[in-house]
Amino acid sequence: MYEESQIVAGKLLKSVGTGISVPPALPKPHPMNREFQTRITASILVLLTVAAVVFAGYNYKVESQYVIPDDGVWWLERKGQLVAVVPRKSAEANVLPQPRK
């Protein structure tokens, strides 16, 4: 019985010319070259660094042109309360008398 099963199994494993063609196996894709991957990564980092420097320079230029409005009053905190301190020149030039109700 054991010999018969080996013969039958052997016949099953033998290729019989049935006319069915099996396509050849496709070649395995080669993994990306490690050196190429390193170059791509370095190039992307260089481009991001250059972009960050350009945007930082533009931001500095725009912020240096902007003048912060100043009314001449300094706000200080004294004893837990906010107090306006007006320098003498600014007080004389900009303070208008309040209208009476």
PDB file of N, CA and C in Angstrom:
ATOM      1  N   MET A   1       0.828  -1.189   0.000  1.00  0.00           N
ATOM      2  CA  MET A   1       0.000   0.000   0.000  1.00  0.00           C
ATOM      3  C   MET A   1       0.868   1.246   0.000  1.00  0.00           C
ATOM      4  N   TYR A   2       1.923   1.243   0.769  1.00  0.00           N
ATOM      5  CA  TYR A   2       2.806   2.402   0.858  1.00  0.00           C
ATOM      6  C   TYR A   2       3.478   2.663  -0.481  1.00  0.00           C
ATOM      7  N   GLU A   3       3.904   1.603  -1.170  1.00  0.00           N
ATOM      8  CA  GLU A   3       4.565   1.754  -2.459  1.00  0.00           C
ATOM      9  C   GLU A   3       3.592   2.329  -3.491  1.00  0.00           C
ATOM     10  N   GLU A   4       2.343   1.910  -3.468  1.00  0.00           N
ATOM     11  CA  GLU A   4       1.356   2.411  -4.421  1.00  0.00           C
ATOM     12  C   GLU A   4       1.124   3.907  -4.232  1.00  0.00           C
ATOM     13  N   SER A   5       1.071   4.354  -2.970  1.00  0.00           N
ATOM     14  CA  SER A   5       0.837   5.775  -2.719  1.00  0.00           C
ATOM     15  C   SER A   5       2.018   6.612  -3.201  1.00  0.00           C
ATOM     16  N   GLN A   6       3.242   6.072  -3.091  1.00  0.00           N
ATOM     17  CA  GLN A   6       4.404   6.809  -3.597  1.00  0.00           C
ATOM     18  C   GLN A   6       4.361   6.893  -5.116  1.00  0.00           C
ATOM     19  N   ILE A   7       3.946   5.860  -5.776  1.00  0.00           N
ATOM     20  CA  ILE A   7       3.865   5.870  -7.241  1.00  0.00           C
ATOM     21  C   ILE A   7       2.808   6.866  -7.693  1.00  0.00           C
ATOM     22  N   VAL A   8       1.648   6.836  -7.039  1.00  0.00           N
ATOM     23  CA  VAL A   8       0.569   7.762  -7.398  1.00  0.00           C
ATOM     24  C   VAL A   8       1.015   9.197  -7.124  1.00  0.00           C
ATOM     25  N   ALA A   9       1.661   9.432  -5.990  1.00  0.00           N
ATOM     26  CA  ALA A   9       2.124  10.779  -5.657  1.00  0.00           C
ATOM     27  C   ALA A   9       3.183  11.227  -6.660  1.00  0.00           C
ATOM     28  N   GLY A  10       4.039  10.313  -7.060  1.00  0.00           N
ATOM     29  CA  GLY A  10       5.060  10.662  -8.042  1.00  0.00           C
ATOM     30  C   GLY A  10       4.460  11.029  -9.374  1.00  0.00           C
ATOM     31  N   LYS A  11       3.390  10.304  -9.787  1.00  0.00           N
ATOM     32  CA  LYS A  11       2.728  10.628 -11.048  1.00  0.00           C
ATOM     33  C   LYS A  11       2.040  11.997 -10.972  1.00  0.00           C
ATOM     34  N   LEU A  12       1.512  12.333  -9.824  1.00  0.00           N
ATOM     35  CA  LEU A  12       0.861  13.641  -9.679  1.00  0.00           C
ATOM     36  C   LEU A  12       1.859  14.783  -9.778  1.00  0.00           C
ATOM     37  N   LEU A  13       3.069  14.547  -9.279  1.00  0.00           N
ATOM     38  CA  LEU A  13       4.070  15.613  -9.289  1.00  0.00           C
ATOM     39  C   LEU A  13       4.725  15.779 -10.644  1.00  0.00           C
ATOM     40  N   LYS A  14       4.719  14.761 -11.493  1.00  0.00           N
ATOM     41  CA  LYS A  14       5.310  14.861 -12.821  1.00  0.00           C
ATOM     42  C   LYS A  14       4.447  15.766 -13.683  1.00  0.00           C
ATOM     43  N   SER A  15       5.090  16.587 -14.475  1.00  0.00           N
ATOM     44  CA  SER A  15       4.329  17.470 -15.350  1.00  0.00           C
ATOM     45  C   SER A  15       3.887  16.691 -16.569  1.00  0.00           C
ATOM     46  N   VAL A  16       2.649  16.791 -16.862  1.00  0.00           N
ATOM     47  CA  VAL A  16       2.064  16.107 -18.000  1.00  0.00           C
ATOM     48  C   VAL A  16       1.764  17.170 -19.039  1.00  0.00           C
ATOM     49  N   GLY A  17       2.130  16.930 -20.259  1.00  0.00           N
ATOM     50  CA  GLY A  17       1.895  17.900 -21.321  1.00  0.00           C
ATOM     51  C   GLY A  17       0.424  18.049 -21.619  1.00  0.00           C
ATOM     52  N   THR A  18      -0.244  18.904 -20.901  1.00  0.00           N
ATOM     53  CA  THR A  18      -1.682  19.089 -21.073  1.00  0.00           C
ATOM     54  C   THR A  18      -1.986  20.256 -21.992  1.00  0.00           C
ATOM     55  N   GLY A  19      -0.974  20.977 -22.426  1.00  0.00           N
ATOM     56  CA  GLY A  19      -1.214  22.101 -23.299  1.00  0.00           C
ATOM     57  C   GLY A  19      -1.461  23.405 -22.559  1.00  0.00           C
ATOM     58  N   ILE A  20      -1.476  23.391 -21.248  1.00  0.00           N
ATOM     59  CA  ILE A  20      -1.676  24.612 -20.460  1.00  0.00           C
ATOM     60  C   ILE A  20      -0.306  25.220 -20.224  1.00  0.00           C
ATOM     61  N   SER A  21      -0.157  26.443 -20.630  1.00  0.00           N
ATOM     62  CA  SER A  21       1.134  27.097 -20.423  1.00  0.00           C
ATOM     63  C   SER A  21       1.083  27.940 -19.153  1.00  0.00           C
ATOM     64  N   VAL A  22       2.119  27.843 -18.397  1.00  0.00           N
ATOM     65  CA  VAL A  22       2.221  28.601 -17.161  1.00  0.00           C
ATOM     66  C   VAL A  22       3.176  29.764 -17.416  1.00  0.00           C
ATOM     67  N   PRO A  23       2.743  30.994 -17.155  1.00  0.00           N
ATOM     68  CA  PRO A  23       3.638  32.131 -17.406  1.00  0.00           C
ATOM     69  C   PRO A  23       4.842  32.060 -16.468  1.00  0.00           C
ATOM     70  N   PRO A  24       5.977  32.500 -16.970  1.00  0.00           N
ATOM     71  CA  PRO A  24       7.159  32.487 -16.103  1.00  0.00           C
ATOM     72  C   PRO A  24       6.962  33.466 -14.940  1.00  0.00           C
ATOM     73  N   ALA A  25       7.577  33.170 -13.841  1.00  0.00           N
ATOM     74  CA  ALA A  25       7.453  34.023 -12.657  1.00  0.00           C
ATOM     75  C   ALA A  25       8.119  35.370 -12.929  1.00  0.00           C
ATOM     76  N   LEU A  26       7.467  36.423 -12.490  1.00  0.00           N
ATOM     77  CA  LEU A  26       8.031  37.762 -12.658  1.00  0.00           C
ATOM     78  C   LEU A  26       9.241  37.919 -11.747  1.00  0.00           C
ATOM     79  N   PRO A  27      10.238  38.652 -12.224  1.00  0.00           N
ATOM     80  CA  PRO A  27      11.403  38.860 -11.357  1.00  0.00           C
ATOM     81  C   PRO A  27      11.019  39.699 -10.151  1.00  0.00           C
ATOM     82  N   LYS A  28      11.632  39.426  -9.032  1.00  0.00           N
ATOM     83  CA  LYS A  28      11.354  40.175  -7.816  1.00  0.00           C
ATOM     84  C   LYS A  28      11.858  41.600  -7.971  1.00  0.00           C
ATOM     85  N   PRO A  29      11.064  42.569  -7.533  1.00  0.00           N
ATOM     86  CA  PRO A  29      11.545  43.954  -7.624  1.00  0.00           C
ATOM     87  C   PRO A  29      12.746  44.152  -6.697  1.00  0.00           C
ATOM     88  N   HIS A  30      13.716  44.864  -7.210  1.00  0.00           N
ATOM     89  CA  HIS A  30      14.914  45.119  -6.417  1.00  0.00           C
ATOM     90  C   HIS A  30      14.617  46.204  -5.388  1.00  0.00           C
ATOM     91  N   PRO A  31      15.087  46.034  -4.187  1.00  0.00           N
ATOM     92  CA  PRO A  31      14.881  47.100  -3.198  1.00  0.00           C
ATOM     93  C   PRO A  31      15.649  48.355  -3.624  1.00  0.00           C
ATOM     94  N   MET A  32      15.128  49.513  -3.180  1.00  0.00           N
ATOM     95  CA  MET A  32      15.763  50.772  -3.556  1.00  0.00           C
ATOM     96  C   MET A  32      17.207  50.799  -3.064  1.00  0.00           C
ATOM     97  N   ASN A  33      18.063  51.245  -3.934  1.00  0.00           N
ATOM     98  CA  ASN A  33      19.475  51.339  -3.575  1.00  0.00           C
ATOM     99  C   ASN A  33      19.622  52.235  -2.349  1.00  0.00           C
ATOM    100  N   ARG A  34      20.347  51.773  -1.369  1.00  0.00           N
ATOM    101  CA  ARG A  34      20.499  52.501  -0.100  1.00  0.00           C
ATOM    102  C   ARG A  34      21.142  53.871  -0.324  1.00  0.00           C
ATOM    103  N   GLU A  35      22.102  53.937  -1.220  1.00  0.00           N
ATOM    104  CA  GLU A  35      22.774  55.213  -1.502  1.00  0.00           C
ATOM    105  C   GLU A  35      21.799  56.195  -2.151  1.00  0.00           C
ATOM    106  N   PHE A  36      20.963  55.699  -3.054  1.00  0.00           N
ATOM    107  CA  PHE A  36      19.974  56.554  -3.710  1.00  0.00           C
ATOM    108  C   PHE A  36      18.971  57.084  -2.692  1.00  0.00           C
ATOM    109  N   GLN A  37      18.543  56.234  -1.782  1.00  0.00           N
ATOM    110  CA  GLN A  37      17.595  56.635  -0.752  1.00  0.00           C
ATOM    111  C   GLN A  37      18.204  57.709   0.151  1.00  0.00           C
ATOM    112  N   THR A  38      19.481  57.565   0.480  1.00  0.00           N
ATOM    113  CA  THR A  38      20.157  58.562   1.308  1.00  0.00           C
ATOM    114  C   THR A  38      20.243  59.903   0.578  1.00  0.00           C
ATOM    115  N   ARG A  39      20.530  59.864  -0.717  1.00  0.00           N
ATOM    116  CA  ARG A  39      20.613  61.109  -1.501  1.00  0.00           C
ATOM    117  C   ARG A  39      19.258  61.809  -1.563  1.00  0.00           C
ATOM    118  N   ILE A  40      18.212  61.041  -1.780  1.00  0.00           N
ATOM    119  CA  ILE A  40      16.872  61.646  -1.837  1.00  0.00           C
ATOM    120  C   ILE A  40      16.526  62.294  -0.499  1.00  0.00           C
ATOM    121  N   THR A  41      16.795  61.594   0.584  1.00  0.00           N
ATOM    122  CA  THR A  41      16.498  62.133   1.913  1.00  0.00           C
ATOM    123  C   THR A  41      17.297  63.404   2.172  1.00  0.00           C
ATOM    124  N   ALA A  42      18.575  63.396   1.829  1.00  0.00           N
ATOM    125  CA  ALA A  42      19.413  64.591   2.025  1.00  0.00           C
ATOM    126  C   ALA A  42      18.916  65.751   1.173  1.00  0.00           C
ATOM    127  N   SER A  43      18.500  65.470  -0.053  1.00  0.00           N
ATOM    128  CA  SER A  43      17.998  66.531  -0.938  1.00  0.00           C
ATOM    129  C   SER A  43      16.724  67.152  -0.379  1.00  0.00           C
ATOM    130  N   ILE A  44      15.836  66.327   0.139  1.00  0.00           N
ATOM    131  CA  ILE A  44      14.600  66.850   0.719  1.00  0.00           C
ATOM    132  C   ILE A  44      14.901  67.715   1.946  1.00  0.00           C
ATOM    133  N   LEU A  45      15.828  67.266   2.776  1.00  0.00           N
ATOM    134  CA  LEU A  45      16.202  68.055   3.962  1.00  0.00           C
ATOM    135  C   LEU A  45      16.827  69.390   3.566  1.00  0.00           C
ATOM    136  N   VAL A  46      17.650  69.390   2.524  1.00  0.00           N
ATOM    137  CA  VAL A  46      18.266  70.648   2.054  1.00  0.00           C
ATOM    138  C   VAL A  46      17.187  71.599   1.570  1.00  0.00           C
ATOM    139  N   LEU A  47      16.226  71.098   0.783  1.00  0.00           N
ATOM    140  CA  LEU A  47      15.156  71.960   0.276  1.00  0.00           C
ATOM    141  C   LEU A  47      14.301  72.533   1.414  1.00  0.00           C
ATOM    142  N   LEU A  48      13.990  71.712   2.404  1.00  0.00           N
ATOM    143  CA  LEU A  48      13.212  72.207   3.541  1.00  0.00           C
ATOM    144  C   LEU A  48      13.980  73.248   4.348  1.00  0.00           C
ATOM    145  N   THR A  49      15.284  73.050   4.496  1.00  0.00           N
ATOM    146  CA  THR A  49      16.105  74.020   5.237  1.00  0.00           C
ATOM    147  C   THR A  49      16.169  75.343   4.500  1.00  0.00           C
ATOM    148  N   VAL A  50      16.378  75.285   3.188  1.00  0.00           N
ATOM    149  CA  VAL A  50      16.428  76.522   2.393  1.00  0.00           C
ATOM    150  C   VAL A  50      15.083  77.245   2.461  1.00  0.00           C
ATOM    151  N   ALA A  51      13.988  76.508   2.370  1.00  0.00           N
ATOM    152  CA  ALA A  51      12.665  77.136   2.456  1.00  0.00           C
ATOM    153  C   ALA A  51      12.462  77.786   3.819  1.00  0.00           C
ATOM    154  N   ALA A  52      12.893  77.130   4.894  1.00  0.00           N
ATOM    155  CA  ALA A  52      12.745  77.703   6.237  1.00  0.00           C
ATOM    156  C   ALA A  52      13.555  78.987   6.376  1.00  0.00           C
ATOM    157  N   VAL A  53      14.763  79.023   5.819  1.00  0.00           N
ATOM    158  CA  VAL A  53      15.606  80.220   5.905  1.00  0.00           C
ATOM    159  C   VAL A  53      14.985  81.360   5.098  1.00  0.00           C
ATOM    160  N   VAL A  54      14.460  81.051   3.911  1.00  0.00           N
ATOM    161  CA  VAL A  54      13.835  82.093   3.080  1.00  0.00           C
ATOM    162  C   VAL A  54      12.614  82.674   3.791  1.00  0.00           C
ATOM    163  N   PHE A  55      11.766  81.815   4.351  1.00  0.00           N
ATOM    164  CA  PHE A  55      10.583  82.314   5.055  1.00  0.00           C
ATOM    165  C   PHE A  55      10.957  83.088   6.315  1.00  0.00           C
ATOM    166  N   ALA A  56      12.000  82.678   7.012  1.00  0.00           N
ATOM    167  CA  ALA A  56      12.439  83.412   8.203  1.00  0.00           C
ATOM    168  C   ALA A  56      12.942  84.805   7.813  1.00  0.00           C
ATOM    169  N   GLY A  57      13.699  84.881   6.723  1.00  0.00           N
ATOM    170  CA  GLY A  57      14.181  86.188   6.249  1.00  0.00           C
ATOM    171  C   GLY A  57      13.044  87.102   5.852  1.00  0.00           C
ATOM    172  N   TYR A  58      12.060  86.557   5.149  1.00  0.00           N
ATOM    173  CA  TYR A  58      10.901  87.359   4.754  1.00  0.00           C
ATOM    174  C   TYR A  58      10.124  87.824   5.984  1.00  0.00           C
ATOM    175  N   ASN A  59       9.943  86.940   6.957  1.00  0.00           N
ATOM    176  CA  ASN A  59       9.231  87.295   8.187  1.00  0.00           C
ATOM    177  C   ASN A  59       9.960  88.409   8.932  1.00  0.00           C
ATOM    178  N   TYR A  60      11.282  88.314   9.016  1.00  0.00           N
ATOM    179  CA  TYR A  60      12.065  89.350   9.688  1.00  0.00           C
ATOM    180  C   TYR A  60      11.911  90.690   8.968  1.00  0.00           C
ATOM    181  N   LYS A  61      11.942  90.665   7.631  1.00  0.00           N
ATOM    182  CA  LYS A  61      11.813  91.898   6.849  1.00  0.00           C
ATOM    183  C   LYS A  61      10.450  92.553   7.090  1.00  0.00           C
ATOM    184  N   VAL A  62       9.386  91.755   7.067  1.00  0.00           N
ATOM    185  CA  VAL A  62       8.033  92.293   7.236  1.00  0.00           C
ATOM    186  C   VAL A  62       7.848  92.828   8.649  1.00  0.00           C
ATOM    187  N   GLU A  63       8.327  92.095   9.649  1.00  0.00           N
ATOM    188  CA  GLU A  63       8.159  92.553  11.030  1.00  0.00           C
ATOM    189  C   GLU A  63       8.978  93.801  11.331  1.00  0.00           C
ATOM    190  N   SER A  64      10.124  93.963  10.676  1.00  0.00           N
ATOM    191  CA  SER A  64      10.932  95.157  10.938  1.00  0.00           C
ATOM    192  C   SER A  64      10.305  96.403  10.311  1.00  0.00           C
ATOM    193  N   GLN A  65       9.442  96.241   9.313  1.00  0.00           N
ATOM    194  CA  GLN A  65       8.785  97.383   8.682  1.00  0.00           C
ATOM    195  C   GLN A  65       7.527  97.812   9.440  1.00  0.00           C
ATOM    196  N   TYR A  66       7.003  96.953  10.277  1.00  0.00           N
ATOM    197  CA  TYR A  66       5.773  97.243  11.008  1.00  0.00           C
ATOM    198  C   TYR A  66       6.104  98.065  12.252  1.00  0.00           C
ATOM    199  N   VAL A  67       5.427  99.198  12.401  1.00  0.00           N
ATOM    200  CA  VAL A  67       5.628 100.057  13.558  1.00  0.00           C
ATOM    201  C   VAL A  67       4.505  99.795  14.558  1.00  0.00           C
ATOM    202  N   ILE A  68       4.883  99.455  15.759  1.00  0.00           N
ATOM    203  CA  ILE A  68       3.891  99.185  16.796  1.00  0.00           C
ATOM    204  C   ILE A  68       3.311 100.510  17.267  1.00  0.00           C
ATOM    205  N   PRO A  69       1.987 100.653  17.258  1.00  0.00           N
ATOM    206  CA  PRO A  69       1.394 101.909  17.708  1.00  0.00           C
ATOM    207  C   PRO A  69       1.703 102.169  19.179  1.00  0.00           C
ATOM    208  N   ASP A  70       1.976 103.424  19.473  1.00  0.00           N
ATOM    209  CA  ASP A  70       2.337 103.786  20.842  1.00  0.00           C
ATOM    210  C   ASP A  70       1.605 105.067  21.222  1.00  0.00           C
ATOM    211  N   ASP A  71       0.880 105.015  22.328  1.00  0.00           N
ATOM    212  CA  ASP A  71       0.177 106.211  22.788  1.00  0.00           C
ATOM    213  C   ASP A  71       0.955 106.936  23.881  1.00  0.00           C
ATOM    214  N   GLY A  72       2.136 106.428  24.214  1.00  0.00           N
ATOM    215  CA  GLY A  72       2.976 107.098  25.200  1.00  0.00           C
ATOM    216  C   GLY A  72       2.684 106.704  26.634  1.00  0.00           C
ATOM    217  N   VAL A  73       1.768 105.796  26.846  1.00  0.00           N
ATOM    218  CA  VAL A  73       1.409 105.397  28.205  1.00  0.00           C
ATOM    219  C   VAL A  73       2.081 104.066  28.517  1.00  0.00           C
ATOM    220  N   TRP A  74       2.662 103.991  29.712  1.00  0.00           N
ATOM    221  CA  TRP A  74       3.244 102.743  30.177  1.00  0.00           C
ATOM    222  C   TRP A  74       2.288 102.144  31.188  1.00  0.00           C
ATOM    223  N   TRP A  75       2.016 100.884  31.039  1.00  0.00           N
ATOM    224  CA  TRP A  75       1.129 100.200  31.966  1.00  0.00           C
ATOM    225  C   TRP A  75       1.975  99.374  32.919  1.00  0.00           C
ATOM    226  N   LEU A  76       1.781  99.614  34.206  1.00  0.00           N
ATOM    227  CA  LEU A  76       2.516  98.900  35.244  1.00  0.00           C
ATOM    228  C   LEU A  76       1.537  98.267  36.221  1.00  0.00           C
ATOM    229  N   GLU A  77       2.008  97.234  36.879  1.00  0.00           N
ATOM    230  CA  GLU A  77       1.180  96.590  37.895  1.00  0.00           C
ATOM    231  C   GLU A  77       1.728  96.965  39.258  1.00  0.00           C
ATOM    232  N   ARG A  78       0.887  97.590  40.061  1.00  0.00           N
ATOM    233  CA  ARG A  78       1.270  97.993  41.416  1.00  0.00           C
ATOM    234  C   ARG A  78       0.200  97.537  42.395  1.00  0.00           C
ATOM    235  N   LYS A  79       0.634  96.793  43.392  1.00  0.00           N
ATOM    236  CA  LYS A  79      -0.275  96.293  44.426  1.00  0.00           C
ATOM    237  C   LYS A  79      -1.446  95.518  43.822  1.00  0.00           C
ATOM    238  N   GLY A  80      -1.164  94.745  42.768  1.00  0.00           N
ATOM    239  CA  GLY A  80      -2.189  93.909  42.163  1.00  0.00           C
ATOM    240  C   GLY A  80      -3.152  94.639  41.253  1.00  0.00           C
ATOM    241  N   GLN A  81      -2.888  95.926  40.974  1.00  0.00           N
ATOM    242  CA  GLN A  81      -3.770  96.687  40.089  1.00  0.00           C
ATOM    243  C   GLN A  81      -2.958  97.247  38.935  1.00  0.00           C
ATOM    244  N   LEU A  82      -3.613  97.444  37.807  1.00  0.00           N
ATOM    245  CA  LEU A  82      -2.967  98.012  36.639  1.00  0.00           C
ATOM    246  C   LEU A  82      -3.024  99.526  36.722  1.00  0.00           C
ATOM    247  N   VAL A  83      -1.862 100.166  36.560  1.00  0.00           N
ATOM    248  CA  VAL A  83      -1.770 101.616  36.692  1.00  0.00           C
ATOM    249  C   VAL A  83      -1.144 102.177  35.423  1.00  0.00           C
ATOM    250  N   ALA A  84      -1.729 103.252  34.889  1.00  0.00           N
ATOM    251  CA  ALA A  84      -1.181 103.910  33.710  1.00  0.00           C
ATOM    252  C   ALA A  84      -0.207 104.988  34.154  1.00  0.00           C
ATOM    253  N   VAL A  85       1.000 104.935  33.636  1.00  0.00           N
ATOM    254  CA  VAL A  85       2.008 105.949  33.923  1.00  0.00           C
ATOM    255  C   VAL A  85       2.234 106.731  32.644  1.00  0.00           C
ATOM    256  N   VAL A  86       1.950 108.027  32.697  1.00  0.00           N
ATOM    257  CA  VAL A  86       2.064 108.875  31.516  1.00  0.00           C
ATOM    258  C   VAL A  86       3.286 109.771  31.681  1.00  0.00           C
ATOM    259  N   PRO A  87       4.269 109.674  30.777  1.00  0.00           N
ATOM    260  CA  PRO A  87       5.410 110.583  30.849  1.00  0.00           C
ATOM    261  C   PRO A  87       4.942 112.032  30.638  1.00  0.00           C
ATOM    262  N   ARG A  88       5.682 112.969  31.179  1.00  0.00           N
ATOM    263  CA  ARG A  88       5.270 114.382  31.191  1.00  0.00           C
ATOM    264  C   ARG A  88       5.048 114.939  29.783  1.00  0.00           C
ATOM    265  N   LYS A  89       5.955 114.729  28.852  1.00  0.00           N
ATOM    266  CA  LYS A  89       5.798 115.290  27.512  1.00  0.00           C
ATOM    267  C   LYS A  89       4.556 114.724  26.830  1.00  0.00           C
ATOM    268  N   SER A  90       4.383 113.429  26.940  1.00  0.00           N
ATOM    269  CA  SER A  90       3.246 112.789  26.295  1.00  0.00           C
ATOM    270  C   SER A  90       1.948 113.288  26.912  1.00  0.00           C
ATOM    271  N   ALA A  91       1.932 113.505  28.213  1.00  0.00           N
ATOM    272  CA  ALA A  91       0.724 113.952  28.897  1.00  0.00           C
ATOM    273  C   ALA A  91       0.341 115.357  28.454  1.00  0.00           C
ATOM    274  N   GLU A  92       1.327 116.195  28.299  1.00  0.00           N
ATOM    275  CA  GLU A  92       1.029 117.572  27.911  1.00  0.00           C
ATOM    276  C   GLU A  92       0.577 117.653  26.458  1.00  0.00           C
ATOM    277  N   ALA A  93       1.113 116.794  25.605  1.00  0.00           N
ATOM    278  CA  ALA A  93       0.804 116.879  24.190  1.00  0.00           C
ATOM    279  C   ALA A  93      -0.503 116.191  23.816  1.00  0.00           C
ATOM    280  N   ASN A  94      -0.823 115.089  24.472  1.00  0.00           N
ATOM    281  CA  ASN A  94      -1.933 114.265  24.002  1.00  0.00           C
ATOM    282  C   ASN A  94      -3.175 114.260  24.885  1.00  0.00           C
ATOM    283  N   VAL A  95      -3.101 114.791  26.078  1.00  0.00           N
ATOM    284  CA  VAL A  95      -4.251 114.715  26.971  1.00  0.00           C
ATOM    285  C   VAL A  95      -5.166 115.895  26.700  1.00  0.00           C
ATOM    286  N   LEU A  96      -6.421 115.541  26.413  1.00  0.00           N
ATOM    287  CA  LEU A  96      -7.422 116.579  26.177  1.00  0.00           C
ATOM    288  C   LEU A  96      -8.369 116.599  27.366  1.00  0.00           C
ATOM    289  N   PRO A  97      -8.897 117.758  27.697  1.00  0.00           N
ATOM    290  CA  PRO A  97      -9.840 117.778  28.803  1.00  0.00           C
ATOM    291  C   PRO A  97     -11.099 116.991  28.444  1.00  0.00           C
ATOM    292  N   GLN A  98     -11.601 116.271  29.428  1.00  0.00           N
ATOM    293  CA  GLN A  98     -12.792 115.469  29.180  1.00  0.00           C
ATOM    294  C   GLN A  98     -14.025 116.340  29.215  1.00  0.00           C
ATOM    295  N   PRO A  99     -14.934 116.088  28.315  1.00  0.00           N
ATOM    296  CA  PRO A  99     -16.162 116.894  28.334  1.00  0.00           C
ATOM    297  C   PRO A  99     -17.011 116.572  29.560  1.00  0.00           C
ATOM    298  N   ARG A 100     -17.655 117.573  30.094  1.00  0.00           N
ATOM    299  CA  ARG A 100     -18.494 117.372  31.277  1.00  0.00           C
ATOM    300  C   ARG A 100     -19.890 116.981  30.840  1.00  0.00           C
ATOM    301  N   LYS A 101     -20.494 116.133  31.602  1.00  0.00           N
ATOM    302  CA  LYS A 101     -21.843 115.676  31.259  1.00  0.00           C
ATOM    303  C   LYS A 101     -22.883 116.431  32.011  1.00  0.00           C
TER     304      LYS A 101
END
